[in-house]
N, C-alpha and C. Protein backbone atom coordinates (compact mmCIF):
# COMPACT_ATOMS: atom_id res chain seq x y z
N MET A 1 5.66 -2.53 -10.84
CA MET A 1 4.47 -1.64 -10.72
C MET A 1 4.47 -1.09 -8.88
N THR A 2 4.31 0.13 -9.09
CA THR A 2 4.03 0.96 -7.89
C THR A 2 2.24 0.70 -7.25
N VAL A 3 1.56 0.35 -6.67
CA VAL A 3 0.63 0.41 -5.79
C VAL A 3 -0.12 1.26 -4.90
N TYR A 4 -0.71 1.47 -4.98
CA TYR A 4 -1.46 2.75 -3.97
C TYR A 4 -2.52 2.02 -3.36
N VAL A 5 -2.29 2.09 -1.78
CA VAL A 5 -2.90 1.75 -0.78
C VAL A 5 -3.45 2.61 0.11
N SER A 6 -5.26 2.75 -0.26
CA SER A 6 -5.40 3.72 1.37
C SER A 6 -6.39 3.51 2.42
N ASN A 7 -6.86 4.27 2.67
CA ASN A 7 -7.51 3.79 3.93
C ASN A 7 -6.92 3.08 4.71
N LEU A 8 -6.09 2.76 5.95
CA LEU A 8 -5.24 2.25 6.18
C LEU A 8 -5.27 2.87 7.40
N SER A 9 -5.55 2.04 8.75
CA SER A 9 -5.31 2.47 10.13
C SER A 9 -4.21 2.87 10.25
N PHE A 10 -4.15 4.05 10.88
CA PHE A 10 -3.33 4.93 11.74
C PHE A 10 -2.15 3.91 12.06
N SER A 11 -2.44 2.79 12.82
CA SER A 11 -1.50 1.77 13.27
C SER A 11 -1.03 0.63 12.70
N VAL A 12 -1.08 1.03 10.61
CA VAL A 12 -0.15 0.08 9.97
C VAL A 12 1.32 0.68 9.60
N THR A 13 1.75 -0.40 9.91
CA THR A 13 3.35 -0.20 9.94
C THR A 13 3.95 -0.22 8.64
N ASP A 14 5.30 0.00 8.00
CA ASP A 14 5.51 -0.22 6.93
C ASP A 14 5.99 -1.05 6.58
N GLU A 15 6.27 -2.01 7.44
CA GLU A 15 5.89 -3.32 7.70
C GLU A 15 5.27 -4.71 7.90
N LEU A 16 3.67 -4.40 8.08
CA LEU A 16 2.48 -4.52 8.45
C LEU A 16 2.74 -4.57 6.77
N LEU A 17 2.01 -3.12 6.23
CA LEU A 17 2.25 -3.63 5.25
C LEU A 17 2.34 -4.28 3.32
N LYS A 18 4.12 -4.33 4.16
CA LYS A 18 4.62 -5.35 3.09
C LYS A 18 4.25 -6.57 3.28
N GLY A 19 4.04 -6.54 4.50
CA GLY A 19 3.42 -8.82 4.78
C GLY A 19 2.45 -8.55 4.55
N LEU A 20 1.25 -7.83 3.62
CA LEU A 20 0.34 -8.20 3.53
C LEU A 20 0.32 -8.05 1.59
N PHE A 21 1.67 -7.85 0.62
CA PHE A 21 1.82 -8.26 -0.53
C PHE A 21 2.90 -9.32 -0.48
N THR A 22 4.04 -10.01 0.42
CA THR A 22 4.13 -10.52 0.26
C THR A 22 4.20 -11.93 -0.04
N GLY A 23 2.90 -12.35 0.29
CA GLY A 23 2.24 -13.34 -0.23
C GLY A 23 1.87 -13.23 -1.52
N TYR A 24 2.02 -11.96 -2.10
CA TYR A 24 1.77 -12.19 -4.12
C TYR A 24 3.24 -12.23 -4.56
N GLY A 25 4.26 -12.20 -4.34
CA GLY A 25 5.59 -11.98 -5.06
C GLY A 25 6.32 -11.13 -4.06
N GLU A 26 7.83 -10.72 -4.68
CA GLU A 26 8.39 -9.91 -4.94
C GLU A 26 7.69 -8.62 -4.49
N VAL A 27 8.51 -7.57 -2.99
CA VAL A 27 8.22 -6.56 -2.87
C VAL A 27 9.75 -5.95 -2.51
N THR A 28 9.94 -4.67 -3.68
CA THR A 28 10.68 -4.03 -3.26
C THR A 28 10.64 -2.97 -2.51
N SER A 29 9.48 -2.44 -2.33
CA SER A 29 9.85 -1.39 -0.63
C SER A 29 8.00 -1.27 -0.49
N ALA A 30 7.50 -1.15 0.82
CA ALA A 30 6.08 -0.63 1.15
C ALA A 30 6.34 0.38 2.07
N ARG A 31 6.03 1.29 1.88
CA ARG A 31 5.92 2.64 2.59
C ARG A 31 4.67 3.02 3.20
N VAL A 32 4.90 3.08 4.31
CA VAL A 32 3.26 4.14 5.06
C VAL A 32 3.78 5.89 5.11
N MET A 33 2.85 6.99 4.08
CA MET A 33 3.21 7.63 3.81
C MET A 33 2.40 8.52 5.60
N THR A 34 3.43 9.13 6.33
CA THR A 34 3.82 10.63 7.66
C THR A 34 3.93 11.82 7.15
N ASP A 35 2.83 12.91 8.17
CA ASP A 35 3.28 13.83 8.15
C ASP A 35 4.24 14.45 9.31
N LYS A 36 4.78 15.63 7.70
CA LYS A 36 6.18 15.68 8.59
C LYS A 36 6.57 16.55 9.34
N TYR A 37 5.30 16.70 9.81
CA TYR A 37 5.18 17.33 11.30
C TYR A 37 5.30 16.79 12.11
N THR A 38 4.15 15.50 12.49
CA THR A 38 3.80 15.23 13.93
C THR A 38 4.67 13.37 13.46
N ASN A 39 4.43 13.75 12.03
CA ASN A 39 5.29 11.88 12.12
C ASN A 39 4.45 10.60 12.16
N ARG A 40 2.66 11.30 12.40
CA ARG A 40 1.94 10.73 11.80
C ARG A 40 1.38 9.76 11.10
N SER A 41 0.81 8.44 10.68
CA SER A 41 0.30 7.66 9.55
C SER A 41 -0.68 9.34 8.90
N ARG A 42 -0.41 9.08 7.42
CA ARG A 42 -1.65 10.48 6.64
C ARG A 42 -2.61 9.23 6.12
N GLY A 43 -2.84 7.63 6.62
CA GLY A 43 -3.47 6.49 6.15
C GLY A 43 -3.75 6.43 4.90
N PHE A 44 -2.49 6.39 4.22
CA PHE A 44 -2.41 5.96 3.16
C PHE A 44 -0.49 5.54 2.67
N GLY A 45 -0.32 4.62 1.33
CA GLY A 45 1.09 4.51 1.87
C GLY A 45 0.99 4.02 0.25
N PHE A 46 2.45 3.04 -0.14
CA PHE A 46 2.65 2.40 -1.56
C PHE A 46 3.83 1.89 -1.17
N VAL A 47 3.83 0.59 -2.23
CA VAL A 47 3.94 -1.25 -2.40
C VAL A 47 4.53 -1.29 -3.75
N GLU A 48 6.08 -1.30 -3.91
CA GLU A 48 7.16 -1.51 -4.91
C GLU A 48 6.62 -3.09 -5.15
N MET A 49 6.39 -3.71 -6.51
CA MET A 49 6.47 -5.06 -7.07
C MET A 49 7.20 -5.29 -8.03
N PRO A 50 8.05 -5.11 -8.37
CA PRO A 50 8.67 -5.96 -9.84
C PRO A 50 8.02 -6.29 -10.60
N ASP A 51 7.50 -7.53 -10.58
CA ASP A 51 6.66 -7.94 -11.55
C ASP A 51 4.98 -7.67 -11.35
N ASP A 52 4.17 -7.39 -12.46
CA ASP A 52 3.29 -6.73 -12.81
C ASP A 52 2.19 -7.01 -12.11
N THR A 53 2.56 -9.29 -13.07
CA THR A 53 0.92 -9.71 -12.92
C THR A 53 1.20 -10.01 -11.61
N ALA A 54 2.13 -9.83 -10.85
CA ALA A 54 2.13 -10.29 -8.72
C ALA A 54 1.10 -8.91 -8.81
N ALA A 55 1.79 -8.14 -8.74
CA ALA A 55 0.76 -6.89 -8.52
C ALA A 55 -0.24 -6.36 -8.75
N GLN A 56 -0.53 -6.95 -9.88
CA GLN A 56 -2.19 -7.00 -10.27
C GLN A 56 -2.92 -7.69 -10.03
N LYS A 57 -2.44 -9.21 -8.97
CA LYS A 57 -2.99 -10.20 -8.64
C LYS A 57 -2.64 -9.95 -7.07
N ALA A 58 -2.29 -9.09 -6.41
CA ALA A 58 -2.96 -8.54 -5.06
C ALA A 58 -3.45 -7.67 -5.53
N ILE A 59 -3.41 -6.87 -5.65
CA ILE A 59 -4.71 -5.46 -6.66
C ILE A 59 -5.55 -5.96 -6.16
N ASP A 60 -5.82 -7.30 -7.27
CA ASP A 60 -7.33 -7.58 -7.22
C ASP A 60 -8.17 -7.97 -6.08
N GLU A 61 -7.13 -9.06 -5.50
CA GLU A 61 -7.59 -9.85 -3.60
C GLU A 61 -7.36 -8.83 -2.83
N LEU A 62 -6.27 -7.60 -2.77
CA LEU A 62 -6.57 -7.34 -1.35
C LEU A 62 -7.80 -5.98 -1.59
N ASN A 63 -7.77 -5.16 -2.89
CA ASN A 63 -9.08 -4.31 -2.69
C ASN A 63 -10.44 -4.68 -1.88
N GLY A 64 -10.69 -3.74 -0.89
CA GLY A 64 -11.75 -4.60 -0.09
C GLY A 64 -11.64 -4.75 1.21
N LYS A 65 -10.10 -5.64 1.01
CA LYS A 65 -9.71 -6.39 2.09
C LYS A 65 -9.69 -5.75 3.46
N MET A 66 -10.39 -6.37 4.85
CA MET A 66 -10.31 -5.12 5.87
C MET A 66 -9.60 -5.57 6.88
N VAL A 67 -8.52 -4.63 6.41
CA VAL A 67 -7.40 -4.40 8.01
C VAL A 67 -7.45 -3.90 8.85
N GLU A 68 -7.27 -4.23 9.77
CA GLU A 68 -6.86 -3.28 11.66
C GLU A 68 -8.76 -2.48 11.51
N SER A 69 -9.40 -3.93 11.54
CA SER A 69 -10.70 -3.23 10.99
C SER A 69 -11.64 -1.88 10.08
N ARG A 70 -10.37 -1.96 8.97
CA ARG A 70 -11.47 -1.36 7.83
C ARG A 70 -10.45 -1.86 6.68
N PRO A 71 -11.77 -1.26 5.92
CA PRO A 71 -11.48 -1.88 4.41
C PRO A 71 -10.60 -1.05 3.32
N ILE A 72 -9.16 -1.59 2.90
CA ILE A 72 -8.38 -0.61 2.32
C ILE A 72 -8.74 -0.76 0.80
N ALA A 73 -8.28 0.17 0.24
CA ALA A 73 -8.58 0.27 -0.91
C ALA A 73 -7.41 0.53 -1.97
N VAL A 74 -7.38 -0.33 -2.99
CA VAL A 74 -5.69 -0.89 -3.06
C VAL A 74 -6.27 -0.82 -4.85
N THR A 75 -5.14 0.33 -5.52
CA THR A 75 -5.29 0.80 -6.89
C THR A 75 -3.87 0.99 -7.24
N GLN A 76 -4.04 0.51 -8.89
CA GLN A 76 -1.94 1.15 -9.08
C GLN A 76 -2.29 2.34 -8.97
N ALA A 77 -0.60 2.61 -8.62
CA ALA A 77 -0.61 4.07 -8.45
C ALA A 77 -0.71 4.94 -9.87
N ARG A 78 -1.14 5.91 -9.45
CA ARG A 78 -0.79 6.87 -11.25
C ARG A 78 0.35 7.56 -10.64
N PRO A 79 0.65 8.43 -11.73
CA PRO A 79 1.94 9.17 -11.92
C PRO A 79 1.81 10.39 -11.17
N LYS A 80 2.59 10.47 -10.73
CA LYS A 80 2.96 12.04 -9.94
C LYS A 80 2.60 13.63 -10.77
N LYS A 81 1.46 13.99 -10.21
CA LYS A 81 1.38 15.37 -11.19
C LYS A 81 2.64 16.12 -11.08
N GLU A 82 3.01 16.52 -12.05
CA GLU A 82 3.97 18.48 -12.39
C GLU A 82 2.61 19.53 -12.63
N TYR A 83 3.74 20.30 -10.90
CA TYR A 83 2.77 21.78 -11.48
C TYR A 83 3.46 22.52 -11.94
């Protein structure tokens, strides 16, 4: 399952994001999205977890948790829209 994480502090790194989720199960990848021109964080990221049950537990427990002085929003990612 792919998990969408928003309201991230600009100081959150891929490693920190991965660390938040590893306590719930295996993390295939964790990526904070960055602006392609400035390379600065865009304030959101994606985490991929192969076990849907573990991913759902992470969503339930991490949604609203304070990370770097900000409450993060954690939900299941929706498929990218085709235009």
